[in-house]
Amino acid sequence: MNVIGYGLAAIGGGIGVGLIFAAYMTSVARQPESQRTLQPMLFMGFAVVEALAILGLVLAFII
């Protein structure tokens, strides 16, 4: 049962990272001068999504 839960958490993390990078690439393609402003937000969002995926892995091992 834990494996199923972590599998769902990993899928959610993968979808989240994909959406974050897709939105970043779209916005930078439309306004290249906004890259310096958007890049810190990109990495912060990426870190939060990956932290949640790792948290799901830890909880799968604990339970």
PDB file of N, CA and C in Angstrom:
ATOM      1  N   MET A   1       0.822  -1.197   0.000  1.00  0.00           N
ATOM      2  CA  MET A   1       0.000   0.000   0.000  1.00  0.00           C
ATOM      3  C   MET A   1       0.866   1.261   0.000  1.00  0.00           C
ATOM      4  N   ASN A   2       1.998   1.220   0.704  1.00  0.00           N
ATOM      5  CA  ASN A   2       2.888   2.379   0.734  1.00  0.00           C
ATOM      6  C   ASN A   2       3.474   2.676  -0.633  1.00  0.00           C
ATOM      7  N   VAL A   3       3.726   1.625  -1.400  1.00  0.00           N
ATOM      8  CA  VAL A   3       4.312   1.806  -2.722  1.00  0.00           C
ATOM      9  C   VAL A   3       3.340   2.564  -3.629  1.00  0.00           C
ATOM     10  N   ILE A   4       2.072   2.266  -3.515  1.00  0.00           N
ATOM     11  CA  ILE A   4       1.067   2.960  -4.314  1.00  0.00           C
ATOM     12  C   ILE A   4       1.025   4.441  -3.929  1.00  0.00           C
ATOM     13  N   GLY A   5       1.087   4.721  -2.644  1.00  0.00           N
ATOM     14  CA  GLY A   5       1.071   6.105  -2.182  1.00  0.00           C
ATOM     15  C   GLY A   5       2.272   6.890  -2.675  1.00  0.00           C
ATOM     16  N   TYR A   6       3.455   6.276  -2.620  1.00  0.00           N
ATOM     17  CA  TYR A   6       4.628   6.992  -3.110  1.00  0.00           C
ATOM     18  C   TYR A   6       4.592   7.134  -4.617  1.00  0.00           C
ATOM     19  N   GLY A   7       4.060   6.160  -5.310  1.00  0.00           N
ATOM     20  CA  GLY A   7       3.921   6.273  -6.757  1.00  0.00           C
ATOM     21  C   GLY A   7       3.047   7.456  -7.141  1.00  0.00           C
ATOM     22  N   LEU A   8       1.956   7.639  -6.425  1.00  0.00           N
ATOM     23  CA  LEU A   8       1.089   8.790  -6.684  1.00  0.00           C
ATOM     24  C   LEU A   8       1.793  10.102  -6.342  1.00  0.00           C
ATOM     25  N   ALA A   9       2.575  10.101  -5.270  1.00  0.00           N
ATOM     26  CA  ALA A   9       3.315  11.305  -4.895  1.00  0.00           C
ATOM     27  C   ALA A   9       4.364  11.640  -5.948  1.00  0.00           C
ATOM     28  N   ALA A  10       5.011  10.639  -6.499  1.00  0.00           N
ATOM     29  CA  ALA A  10       6.031  10.877  -7.522  1.00  0.00           C
ATOM     30  C   ALA A  10       5.399  11.387  -8.815  1.00  0.00           C
ATOM     31  N   ILE A  11       4.245  10.855  -9.168  1.00  0.00           N
ATOM     32  CA  ILE A  11       3.547  11.333 -10.357  1.00  0.00           C
ATOM     33  C   ILE A  11       3.128  12.787 -10.171  1.00  0.00           C
ATOM     34  N   GLY A  12       2.618  13.102  -8.997  1.00  0.00           N
ATOM     35  CA  GLY A  12       2.222  14.484  -8.714  1.00  0.00           C
ATOM     36  C   GLY A  12       3.396  15.437  -8.778  1.00  0.00           C
ATOM     37  N   GLY A  13       4.534  15.016  -8.238  1.00  0.00           N
ATOM     38  CA  GLY A  13       5.735  15.847  -8.305  1.00  0.00           C
ATOM     39  C   GLY A  13       6.211  16.052  -9.729  1.00  0.00           C
ATOM     40  N   GLY A  14       6.158  15.000 -10.524  1.00  0.00           N
ATOM     41  CA  GLY A  14       6.565  15.107 -11.923  1.00  0.00           C
ATOM     42  C   GLY A  14       5.663  16.040 -12.720  1.00  0.00           C
ATOM     43  N   ILE A  15       4.374  15.955 -12.473  1.00  0.00           N
ATOM     44  CA  ILE A  15       3.442  16.850 -13.155  1.00  0.00           C
ATOM     45  C   ILE A  15       3.676  18.290 -12.713  1.00  0.00           C
ATOM     46  N   GLY A  16       3.900  18.478 -11.411  1.00  0.00           N
ATOM     47  CA  GLY A  16       4.143  19.822 -10.894  1.00  0.00           C
ATOM     48  C   GLY A  16       5.389  20.456 -11.485  1.00  0.00           C
ATOM     49  N   VAL A  17       6.478  19.701 -11.548  1.00  0.00           N
ATOM     50  CA  VAL A  17       7.720  20.220 -12.126  1.00  0.00           C
ATOM     51  C   VAL A  17       7.524  20.543 -13.600  1.00  0.00           C
ATOM     52  N   GLY A  18       6.822  19.684 -14.306  1.00  0.00           N
ATOM     53  CA  GLY A  18       6.556  19.933 -15.720  1.00  0.00           C
ATOM     54  C   GLY A  18       5.755  21.203 -15.942  1.00  0.00           C
ATOM     55  N   LEU A  19       4.743  21.430 -15.121  1.00  0.00           N
ATOM     56  CA  LEU A  19       3.937  22.641 -15.256  1.00  0.00           C
ATOM     57  C   LEU A  19       4.740  23.896 -14.921  1.00  0.00           C
ATOM     58  N   ILE A  20       5.597  23.802 -13.899  1.00  0.00           N
ATOM     59  CA  ILE A  20       6.415  24.955 -13.509  1.00  0.00           C
ATOM     60  C   ILE A  20       7.361  25.340 -14.636  1.00  0.00           C
ATOM     61  N   PHE A  21       8.077  24.377 -15.192  1.00  0.00           N
ATOM     62  CA  PHE A  21       9.028  24.685 -16.253  1.00  0.00           C
ATOM     63  C   PHE A  21       8.325  25.101 -17.543  1.00  0.00           C
ATOM     64  N   ALA A  22       7.157  24.534 -17.828  1.00  0.00           N
ATOM     65  CA  ALA A  22       6.415  24.940 -19.020  1.00  0.00           C
ATOM     66  C   ALA A  22       5.958  26.388 -18.906  1.00  0.00           C
ATOM     67  N   ALA A  23       5.473  26.772 -17.737  1.00  0.00           N
ATOM     68  CA  ALA A  23       5.042  28.154 -17.545  1.00  0.00           C
ATOM     69  C   ALA A  23       6.224  29.110 -17.630  1.00  0.00           C
ATOM     70  N   TYR A  24       7.359  28.704 -17.079  1.00  0.00           N
ATOM     71  CA  TYR A  24       8.560  29.548 -17.145  1.00  0.00           C
ATOM     72  C   TYR A  24       9.017  29.731 -18.587  1.00  0.00           C
ATOM     73  N   MET A  25       9.085  28.655 -19.327  1.00  0.00           N
ATOM     74  CA  MET A  25       9.557  28.741 -20.707  1.00  0.00           C
ATOM     75  C   MET A  25       8.599  29.567 -21.566  1.00  0.00           C
ATOM     76  N   THR A  26       7.313  29.433 -21.339  1.00  0.00           N
ATOM     77  CA  THR A  26       6.332  30.215 -22.088  1.00  0.00           C
ATOM     78  C   THR A  26       6.473  31.700 -21.786  1.00  0.00           C
ATOM     79  N   SER A  27       6.609  32.026 -20.510  1.00  0.00           N
ATOM     80  CA  SER A  27       6.692  33.438 -20.146  1.00  0.00           C
ATOM     81  C   SER A  27       8.001  34.065 -20.608  1.00  0.00           C
ATOM     82  N   VAL A  28       9.108  33.336 -20.562  1.00  0.00           N
ATOM     83  CA  VAL A  28      10.377  33.881 -21.028  1.00  0.00           C
ATOM     84  C   VAL A  28      10.388  33.979 -22.558  1.00  0.00           C
ATOM     85  N   ALA A  29       9.711  33.076 -23.232  1.00  0.00           N
ATOM     86  CA  ALA A  29       9.635  33.171 -24.683  1.00  0.00           C
ATOM     87  C   ALA A  29       8.829  34.395 -25.118  1.00  0.00           C
ATOM     88  N   ARG A  30       7.842  34.759 -24.315  1.00  0.00           N
ATOM     89  CA  ARG A  30       7.044  35.929 -24.657  1.00  0.00           C
ATOM     90  C   ARG A  30       7.744  37.234 -24.279  1.00  0.00           C
ATOM     91  N   GLN A  31       8.446  37.234 -23.133  1.00  0.00           N
ATOM     92  CA  GLN A  31       9.162  38.435 -22.688  1.00  0.00           C
ATOM     93  C   GLN A  31      10.540  38.029 -22.173  1.00  0.00           C
ATOM     94  N   PRO A  32      11.525  37.986 -23.042  1.00  0.00           N
ATOM     95  CA  PRO A  32      12.863  37.539 -22.628  1.00  0.00           C
ATOM     96  C   PRO A  32      13.501  38.396 -21.543  1.00  0.00           C
ATOM     97  N   GLU A  33      13.127  39.657 -21.462  1.00  0.00           N
ATOM     98  CA  GLU A  33      13.731  40.519 -20.444  1.00  0.00           C
ATOM     99  C   GLU A  33      13.254  40.193 -19.030  1.00  0.00           C
ATOM    100  N   SER A  34      12.223  39.379 -18.885  1.00  0.00           N
ATOM    101  CA  SER A  34      11.719  39.008 -17.561  1.00  0.00           C
ATOM    102  C   SER A  34      12.433  37.789 -16.980  1.00  0.00           C
ATOM    103  N   GLN A  35      13.443  37.294 -17.663  1.00  0.00           N
ATOM    104  CA  GLN A  35      14.118  36.079 -17.207  1.00  0.00           C
ATOM    105  C   GLN A  35      14.756  36.253 -15.836  1.00  0.00           C
ATOM    106  N   ARG A  36      15.413  37.376 -15.597  1.00  0.00           N
ATOM    107  CA  ARG A  36      16.073  37.600 -14.305  1.00  0.00           C
ATOM    108  C   ARG A  36      15.070  37.671 -13.160  1.00  0.00           C
ATOM    109  N   THR A  37      13.883  38.144 -13.427  1.00  0.00           N
ATOM    110  CA  THR A  37      12.851  38.238 -12.400  1.00  0.00           C
ATOM    111  C   THR A  37      12.212  36.880 -12.131  1.00  0.00           C
ATOM    112  N   LEU A  38      12.007  36.106 -13.168  1.00  0.00           N
ATOM    113  CA  LEU A  38      11.269  34.849 -13.038  1.00  0.00           C
ATOM    114  C   LEU A  38      12.134  33.669 -12.587  1.00  0.00           C
ATOM    115  N   GLN A  39      13.433  33.729 -12.844  1.00  0.00           N
ATOM    116  CA  GLN A  39      14.280  32.572 -12.548  1.00  0.00           C
ATOM    117  C   GLN A  39      14.329  32.218 -11.053  1.00  0.00           C
ATOM    118  N   PRO A  40      14.427  33.187 -10.124  1.00  0.00           N
ATOM    119  CA  PRO A  40      14.376  32.793  -8.710  1.00  0.00           C
ATOM    120  C   PRO A  40      13.053  32.149  -8.314  1.00  0.00           C
ATOM    121  N   MET A  41      11.955  32.637  -8.899  1.00  0.00           N
ATOM    122  CA  MET A  41      10.658  32.028  -8.607  1.00  0.00           C
ATOM    123  C   MET A  41      10.575  30.613  -9.160  1.00  0.00           C
ATOM    124  N   LEU A  42      11.217  30.385 -10.312  1.00  0.00           N
ATOM    125  CA  LEU A  42      11.259  29.051 -10.905  1.00  0.00           C
ATOM    126  C   LEU A  42      11.937  28.066  -9.953  1.00  0.00           C
ATOM    127  N   PHE A  43      13.112  28.440  -9.456  1.00  0.00           N
ATOM    128  CA  PHE A  43      13.846  27.527  -8.588  1.00  0.00           C
ATOM    129  C   PHE A  43      13.166  27.338  -7.241  1.00  0.00           C
ATOM    130  N   MET A  44      12.492  28.370  -6.738  1.00  0.00           N
ATOM    131  CA  MET A  44      11.765  28.227  -5.480  1.00  0.00           C
ATOM    132  C   MET A  44      10.586  27.268  -5.650  1.00  0.00           C
ATOM    133  N   GLY A  45       9.855  27.402  -6.728  1.00  0.00           N
ATOM    134  CA  GLY A  45       8.740  26.487  -6.990  1.00  0.00           C
ATOM    135  C   GLY A  45       9.213  25.065  -7.210  1.00  0.00           C
ATOM    136  N   PHE A  46      10.327  24.916  -7.932  1.00  0.00           N
ATOM    137  CA  PHE A  46      10.902  23.592  -8.152  1.00  0.00           C
ATOM    138  C   PHE A  46      11.306  22.949  -6.831  1.00  0.00           C
ATOM    139  N   ALA A  47      11.931  23.730  -5.952  1.00  0.00           N
ATOM    140  CA  ALA A  47      12.371  23.198  -4.660  1.00  0.00           C
ATOM    141  C   ALA A  47      11.189  22.777  -3.799  1.00  0.00           C
ATOM    142  N   VAL A  48      10.131  23.550  -3.822  1.00  0.00           N
ATOM    143  CA  VAL A  48       8.952  23.208  -3.013  1.00  0.00           C
ATOM    144  C   VAL A  48       8.303  21.926  -3.522  1.00  0.00           C
ATOM    145  N   VAL A  49       8.152  21.793  -4.822  1.00  0.00           N
ATOM    146  CA  VAL A  49       7.523  20.592  -5.388  1.00  0.00           C
ATOM    147  C   VAL A  49       8.380  19.360  -5.099  1.00  0.00           C
ATOM    148  N   GLU A  50       9.694  19.479  -5.275  1.00  0.00           N
ATOM    149  CA  GLU A  50      10.566  18.338  -4.999  1.00  0.00           C
ATOM    150  C   GLU A  50      10.593  18.001  -3.511  1.00  0.00           C
ATOM    151  N   ALA A  51      10.519  19.000  -2.651  1.00  0.00           N
ATOM    152  CA  ALA A  51      10.483  18.735  -1.208  1.00  0.00           C
ATOM    153  C   ALA A  51       9.223  17.960  -0.844  1.00  0.00           C
ATOM    154  N   LEU A  52       8.110  18.297  -1.468  1.00  0.00           N
ATOM    155  CA  LEU A  52       6.879  17.560  -1.199  1.00  0.00           C
ATOM    156  C   LEU A  52       6.966  16.115  -1.688  1.00  0.00           C
ATOM    157  N   ALA A  53       7.635  15.892  -2.810  1.00  0.00           N
ATOM    158  CA  ALA A  53       7.808  14.521  -3.309  1.00  0.00           C
ATOM    159  C   ALA A  53       8.705  13.721  -2.366  1.00  0.00           C
ATOM    160  N   ILE A  54       9.765  14.337  -1.866  1.00  0.00           N
ATOM    161  CA  ILE A  54      10.648  13.656  -0.922  1.00  0.00           C
ATOM    162  C   ILE A  54       9.926  13.396   0.392  1.00  0.00           C
ATOM    163  N   LEU A  55       9.099  14.335   0.810  1.00  0.00           N
ATOM    164  CA  LEU A  55       8.299  14.129   2.016  1.00  0.00           C
ATOM    165  C   LEU A  55       7.354  12.942   1.848  1.00  0.00           C
ATOM    166  N   GLY A  56       6.781  12.795   0.661  1.00  0.00           N
ATOM    167  CA  GLY A  56       5.937  11.630   0.386  1.00  0.00           C
ATOM    168  C   GLY A  56       6.718  10.328   0.477  1.00  0.00           C
ATOM    169  N   LEU A  57       7.976  10.329   0.021  1.00  0.00           N
ATOM    170  CA  LEU A  57       8.817   9.141   0.122  1.00  0.00           C
ATOM    171  C   LEU A  57       9.106   8.808   1.578  1.00  0.00           C
ATOM    172  N   VAL A  58       9.433   9.816   2.368  1.00  0.00           N
ATOM    173  CA  VAL A  58       9.737   9.599   3.785  1.00  0.00           C
ATOM    174  C   VAL A  58       8.520   9.061   4.501  1.00  0.00           C
ATOM    175  N   LEU A  59       7.366   9.627   4.236  1.00  0.00           N
ATOM    176  CA  LEU A  59       6.149   9.146   4.900  1.00  0.00           C
ATOM    177  C   LEU A  59       5.796   7.721   4.455  1.00  0.00           C
ATOM    178  N   ALA A  60       6.117   7.375   3.220  1.00  0.00           N
ATOM    179  CA  ALA A  60       5.869   6.008   2.771  1.00  0.00           C
ATOM    180  C   ALA A  60       6.731   5.022   3.538  1.00  0.00           C
ATOM    181  N   PHE A  61       7.979   5.423   3.866  1.00  0.00           N
ATOM    182  CA  PHE A  61       8.839   4.534   4.638  1.00  0.00           C
ATOM    183  C   PHE A  61       8.463   4.481   6.106  1.00  0.00           C
ATOM    184  N   ILE A  62       7.946   5.583   6.640  1.00  0.00           N
ATOM    185  CA  ILE A  62       7.590   5.627   8.062  1.00  0.00           C
ATOM    186  C   ILE A  62       6.356   4.784   8.338  1.00  0.00           C
ATOM    187  N   ILE A  63       5.362   4.913   7.480  1.00  0.00           N
ATOM    188  CA  ILE A  63       4.071   4.247   7.748  1.00  0.00           C
ATOM    189  C   ILE A  63       4.133   2.773   7.372  1.00  0.00           C
TER     190      ILE A  63
END
